[in-house]
N, C-alpha and C. Protein backbone atom coordinates (compact mmCIF):
# COMPACT_ATOMS: atom_id res chain seq x y z
N MET A 1 -226.27 22.11 -29.36
CA MET A 1 -226.36 23.24 -30.27
C MET A 1 -225.11 24.08 -30.12
N SER A 2 -224.53 24.41 -31.25
CA SER A 2 -223.32 25.20 -31.23
C SER A 2 -223.57 26.53 -31.94
N SER A 3 -223.48 27.59 -31.19
CA SER A 3 -223.67 28.91 -31.77
C SER A 3 -222.93 29.93 -30.92
N ASP A 4 -222.02 30.62 -31.56
CA ASP A 4 -221.28 31.66 -30.85
C ASP A 4 -221.93 33.02 -31.00
N PHE A 5 -223.01 33.09 -31.76
CA PHE A 5 -223.60 34.39 -32.06
C PHE A 5 -225.01 34.55 -31.54
N PHE A 6 -225.62 33.51 -30.96
CA PHE A 6 -226.99 33.65 -30.49
C PHE A 6 -227.02 33.90 -29.00
N SER A 7 -227.72 34.95 -28.62
CA SER A 7 -227.95 35.28 -27.23
C SER A 7 -229.43 35.62 -27.07
N PRO A 8 -230.17 34.85 -26.27
CA PRO A 8 -231.58 35.18 -26.06
C PRO A 8 -231.77 36.62 -25.57
N ASN A 9 -230.90 37.05 -24.67
CA ASN A 9 -231.03 38.42 -24.14
C ASN A 9 -230.81 39.46 -25.24
N GLU A 10 -229.86 39.19 -26.12
CA GLU A 10 -229.60 40.12 -27.21
C GLU A 10 -230.78 40.17 -28.18
N LEU A 11 -231.38 39.02 -28.46
CA LEU A 11 -232.56 38.99 -29.34
C LEU A 11 -233.69 39.80 -28.73
N VAL A 12 -233.96 39.59 -27.45
CA VAL A 12 -235.02 40.34 -26.77
C VAL A 12 -234.73 41.83 -26.82
N SER A 13 -233.50 42.22 -26.53
CA SER A 13 -233.11 43.63 -26.56
C SER A 13 -233.29 44.23 -27.95
N THR A 14 -232.86 43.48 -28.96
CA THR A 14 -233.01 43.94 -30.35
C THR A 14 -234.47 44.14 -30.71
N LEU A 15 -235.30 43.17 -30.38
CA LEU A 15 -236.73 43.26 -30.72
C LEU A 15 -237.41 44.40 -29.97
N ARG A 16 -237.03 44.61 -28.71
CA ARG A 16 -237.61 45.74 -27.96
C ARG A 16 -237.22 47.06 -28.59
N SER A 17 -235.95 47.18 -28.94
CA SER A 17 -235.46 48.41 -29.55
C SER A 17 -236.17 48.69 -30.88
N GLU A 18 -236.26 47.66 -31.70
CA GLU A 18 -236.90 47.84 -33.00
C GLU A 18 -238.39 48.13 -32.86
N SER A 19 -239.04 47.54 -31.87
CA SER A 19 -240.46 47.81 -31.68
C SER A 19 -240.67 49.25 -31.21
N ARG A 20 -239.75 49.76 -30.39
CA ARG A 20 -239.84 51.17 -29.97
C ARG A 20 -239.67 52.10 -31.16
N SER A 21 -238.75 51.73 -32.07
CA SER A 21 -238.53 52.60 -33.24
C SER A 21 -239.78 52.64 -34.14
N LEU A 22 -240.60 51.61 -34.06
CA LEU A 22 -241.85 51.59 -34.82
C LEU A 22 -242.99 52.25 -34.07
N GLY A 23 -242.77 52.55 -32.80
CA GLY A 23 -243.81 53.16 -31.98
C GLY A 23 -244.82 52.15 -31.46
N LEU A 24 -244.44 50.88 -31.41
CA LEU A 24 -245.35 49.86 -30.89
C LEU A 24 -245.40 49.94 -29.37
N PRO A 25 -246.59 49.82 -28.80
CA PRO A 25 -246.70 49.89 -27.33
C PRO A 25 -245.99 48.71 -26.67
N GLU A 26 -245.25 49.01 -25.60
CA GLU A 26 -244.50 47.96 -24.91
C GLU A 26 -245.39 46.82 -24.44
N GLY A 27 -246.57 47.15 -23.97
CA GLY A 27 -247.48 46.12 -23.48
C GLY A 27 -247.89 45.13 -24.55
N SER A 28 -247.96 45.58 -25.77
CA SER A 28 -248.37 44.67 -26.85
C SER A 28 -247.19 43.91 -27.44
N ILE A 29 -245.99 44.43 -27.28
CA ILE A 29 -244.83 43.77 -27.88
C ILE A 29 -244.27 42.66 -27.00
N GLU A 30 -244.41 42.76 -25.70
CA GLU A 30 -243.83 41.74 -24.81
C GLU A 30 -244.37 40.33 -25.10
N PRO A 31 -245.68 40.15 -25.28
CA PRO A 31 -246.16 38.80 -25.61
C PRO A 31 -245.61 38.29 -26.95
N ILE A 32 -245.42 39.18 -27.89
CA ILE A 32 -244.85 38.80 -29.19
C ILE A 32 -243.41 38.34 -29.00
N ILE A 33 -242.64 39.11 -28.25
CA ILE A 33 -241.24 38.75 -28.00
C ILE A 33 -241.16 37.39 -27.31
N GLU A 34 -242.02 37.17 -26.32
CA GLU A 34 -242.02 35.89 -25.61
C GLU A 34 -242.32 34.73 -26.55
N ARG A 35 -243.31 34.89 -27.43
CA ARG A 35 -243.66 33.83 -28.38
C ARG A 35 -242.53 33.56 -29.36
N VAL A 36 -241.94 34.63 -29.87
CA VAL A 36 -240.85 34.48 -30.83
C VAL A 36 -239.66 33.79 -30.16
N LEU A 37 -239.29 34.24 -28.98
CA LEU A 37 -238.17 33.64 -28.27
C LEU A 37 -238.43 32.17 -27.98
N LYS A 38 -239.63 31.84 -27.53
CA LYS A 38 -239.98 30.45 -27.25
C LYS A 38 -239.86 29.59 -28.51
N ALA A 39 -240.36 30.10 -29.64
CA ALA A 39 -240.29 29.35 -30.90
C ALA A 39 -238.84 29.15 -31.34
N VAL A 40 -238.02 30.18 -31.18
CA VAL A 40 -236.61 30.08 -31.57
C VAL A 40 -235.89 29.07 -30.68
N LEU A 41 -236.12 29.14 -29.39
CA LEU A 41 -235.46 28.20 -28.47
C LEU A 41 -235.90 26.76 -28.75
N THR A 42 -237.17 26.57 -29.08
CA THR A 42 -237.66 25.23 -29.44
C THR A 42 -236.99 24.76 -30.72
N TRP A 43 -236.88 25.64 -31.69
CA TRP A 43 -236.23 25.31 -32.95
C TRP A 43 -234.76 24.93 -32.74
N LEU A 44 -234.10 25.61 -31.81
CA LEU A 44 -232.69 25.37 -31.55
C LEU A 44 -232.42 24.04 -30.84
N GLU A 45 -233.41 23.50 -30.15
CA GLU A 45 -233.21 22.32 -29.32
C GLU A 45 -232.56 21.15 -30.05
N ASN A 46 -232.95 20.89 -31.26
CA ASN A 46 -232.46 19.72 -31.99
C ASN A 46 -231.42 20.05 -33.05
N ARG A 47 -230.78 21.16 -32.91
CA ARG A 47 -229.80 21.58 -33.90
C ARG A 47 -228.40 21.51 -33.30
N GLU A 48 -227.52 20.84 -34.01
CA GLU A 48 -226.13 20.79 -33.57
C GLU A 48 -225.38 22.06 -33.96
N ILE A 49 -225.62 22.49 -35.19
CA ILE A 49 -224.96 23.67 -35.73
C ILE A 49 -226.00 24.50 -36.46
N ILE A 50 -225.91 25.80 -36.29
CA ILE A 50 -226.81 26.70 -37.02
C ILE A 50 -225.98 27.81 -37.64
N THR A 51 -226.55 28.44 -38.64
CA THR A 51 -225.91 29.62 -39.21
C THR A 51 -226.70 30.85 -38.79
N ARG A 52 -226.07 31.97 -38.90
CA ARG A 52 -226.75 33.23 -38.58
C ARG A 52 -227.97 33.39 -39.49
N SER A 53 -227.82 33.01 -40.76
CA SER A 53 -228.94 33.11 -41.71
C SER A 53 -230.11 32.24 -41.29
N ASP A 54 -229.81 31.03 -40.82
CA ASP A 54 -230.87 30.14 -40.33
C ASP A 54 -231.63 30.80 -39.19
N LEU A 55 -230.88 31.30 -38.24
CA LEU A 55 -231.47 31.92 -37.07
C LEU A 55 -232.31 33.14 -37.46
N GLU A 56 -231.78 33.99 -38.29
CA GLU A 56 -232.50 35.19 -38.71
C GLU A 56 -233.77 34.83 -39.48
N ARG A 57 -233.71 33.78 -40.28
CA ARG A 57 -234.88 33.33 -41.03
C ARG A 57 -235.99 32.86 -40.09
N VAL A 58 -235.62 32.12 -39.06
CA VAL A 58 -236.61 31.63 -38.10
C VAL A 58 -237.21 32.79 -37.31
N VAL A 59 -236.38 33.70 -36.85
CA VAL A 59 -236.88 34.86 -36.11
C VAL A 59 -237.84 35.66 -36.99
N SER A 60 -237.44 35.92 -38.20
CA SER A 60 -238.27 36.69 -39.12
C SER A 60 -239.60 36.00 -39.40
N SER A 61 -239.54 34.70 -39.62
CA SER A 61 -240.75 33.93 -39.89
C SER A 61 -241.72 34.00 -38.72
N GLU A 62 -241.20 33.89 -37.51
CA GLU A 62 -242.05 33.98 -36.33
C GLU A 62 -242.61 35.39 -36.15
N LEU A 63 -241.79 36.40 -36.39
CA LEU A 63 -242.26 37.77 -36.26
C LEU A 63 -243.39 38.08 -37.24
N LYS A 64 -243.30 37.55 -38.45
CA LYS A 64 -244.33 37.81 -39.47
C LYS A 64 -245.71 37.35 -39.01
N LYS A 65 -245.76 36.35 -38.16
CA LYS A 65 -247.04 35.84 -37.66
C LYS A 65 -247.76 36.87 -36.79
N TYR A 66 -246.99 37.71 -36.11
CA TYR A 66 -247.55 38.62 -35.13
C TYR A 66 -247.43 40.09 -35.50
N SER A 67 -246.37 40.44 -36.22
CA SER A 67 -246.14 41.84 -36.57
C SER A 67 -245.30 41.93 -37.84
N PRO A 68 -245.97 41.97 -39.00
CA PRO A 68 -245.22 42.07 -40.26
C PRO A 68 -244.30 43.29 -40.31
N ASP A 69 -244.73 44.40 -39.71
CA ASP A 69 -243.88 45.60 -39.71
C ASP A 69 -242.59 45.37 -38.92
N LEU A 70 -242.71 44.74 -37.76
CA LEU A 70 -241.53 44.45 -36.96
C LEU A 70 -240.63 43.45 -37.68
N ALA A 71 -241.23 42.48 -38.36
CA ALA A 71 -240.44 41.52 -39.14
C ALA A 71 -239.64 42.24 -40.22
N LEU A 72 -240.26 43.18 -40.90
CA LEU A 72 -239.57 43.94 -41.95
C LEU A 72 -238.40 44.73 -41.38
N VAL A 73 -238.61 45.38 -40.27
CA VAL A 73 -237.53 46.14 -39.64
C VAL A 73 -236.42 45.20 -39.19
N TYR A 74 -236.77 44.05 -38.62
CA TYR A 74 -235.77 43.08 -38.19
C TYR A 74 -234.95 42.59 -39.37
N GLU A 75 -235.62 42.28 -40.46
CA GLU A 75 -234.94 41.76 -41.65
C GLU A 75 -233.96 42.78 -42.24
N ASN A 76 -234.26 44.04 -42.05
CA ASN A 76 -233.45 45.10 -42.66
C ASN A 76 -232.67 45.93 -41.65
N ARG A 77 -232.47 45.41 -40.46
CA ARG A 77 -231.89 46.19 -39.37
C ARG A 77 -230.47 46.64 -39.63
N GLU A 78 -229.71 45.95 -40.44
CA GLU A 78 -228.34 46.36 -40.70
C GLU A 78 -228.18 47.02 -42.07
N LYS A 79 -229.31 47.31 -42.68
CA LYS A 79 -229.28 47.96 -43.98
C LYS A 79 -229.82 49.37 -43.84
N VAL A 80 -229.43 50.21 -44.71
CA VAL A 80 -229.96 51.57 -44.76
C VAL A 80 -231.24 51.51 -45.56
N ILE A 81 -232.36 51.88 -44.90
CA ILE A 81 -233.65 51.89 -45.61
C ILE A 81 -234.30 53.24 -45.50
């Protein structure tokens, strides 16, 4: 897998930060972050090359399963909303 922009630690940090901005309790967000990270890492296993869009789409899709609000914030994190 070739990616100069993916960092598991950065993803976890981003999701924690965004969950705090939503006021989600830390105890409830940690299992979600673990599931999302596991799914992303599994998805990455068989990929030679990925794009940032691919990665963001997978993260968002996984987040929607557990927290649609967090998924929305993640999808729009670099936009003014």
